[in-house]
């Protein structure tokens, strides 16, 4: 089943603890502090992968956590950083926060976003050496990683998108013009999830075409999950508006146009090719006249017999607008993004290990101390 939405929980790995150690070698019985720092915790990173088609992977697993940093050691040895977790998502995936605000839009292959940064490693006791305190018996506990619940939403990236009423023949048309093999049957709602296909030109050029499940009147208000399906049209540069030529074409066109206008996002301004399908069922040529400037061509055809298919493919390659060039600033921002959900909570207190137990600098709740590794019964001193 195609999944275009998922809700997941992400947590950066906890940083490793700093080491409380002193140099002890032959002829150096009272060496100075040599505790190394702990390694940083691993991040949770989203990566836009062109080989991914939907978000179904996140229906099976919903919690992800970066690896924990390794503790520091004596002889000033820093611990290794924790392993980062890289999650592949389809190109076109958006990341939203709890309130539905857009955080990241992974709109091109290879775009990356850190959605949970790992916690820094704790400082070893050598960091706390001072002229007045040459043998510090204190080392910092590693920081907790960032934590957040995020929603993933996929909006398909396609050069053109098929739209129209159920049973207008969109799936049959996609099978004719592309390498996609959507289910085809003589009843409405055969397509229940978006399908992508690739159309090849004789000169080697390629276009991607999306088949979106048929729309019902009231789709922009959520009828038939239409508002979710309409979202997949937002990034298409051209619409193939498929109409059953055996029905009242002008009325069908007007009804779908109202849904595009009601949804917004500029869908009602997009250029269209009107496809009058099923002409093999008519005794004469279909009738559809319009002076709408958005309609670049009106093409009668039959997806069943193949009549008019070559003309449609040629029109596609001629009429699909060029992709708008990305600005240098937009490309730089989209390559690697860092989302920091609650940095202020991560730095609300510092926790140290001592010979006697733990020392807390700042304000910390009991739950925060437990999460940082303090066990019931451990002695804790607050500064």
Foldseek 3Di string as FASTA:
>chain_A
DAAFKAKAKEWWAWWAWWAQDADDDVVCHGGFTFTAWWAWTAFEKEFAAQVDDHDVVCVVPGYYYWFYTHYTDGNHRYTHYTHYHYDYGHAQKWKAAPVRHTDAGRHDHQFMEGEKTTWGTKGYCVVVADPVRRHDQKIFFTFTIFIGMMMIGGADAFQEEEAFAFQLCLQLLLVLFFVDNQDDDRDGPSDPAKDKTWGADPVGDITIYIYFHYDDQCLLVCVVPSVSSVSNRLNHQEYAYRGALVDDRVVRVVRVLVSLVSNDSCSNVHAYAYEHEDCVPPPDDGDDDDPPVSHPYYFYAYSVVGGRSVVVSVCSVVPRDDDDDDDPVVVVPRNYHYDRDCPPVRVQWIWMQGPQFIEIEHDDDPVRVVVSPHDPPTDYHYD
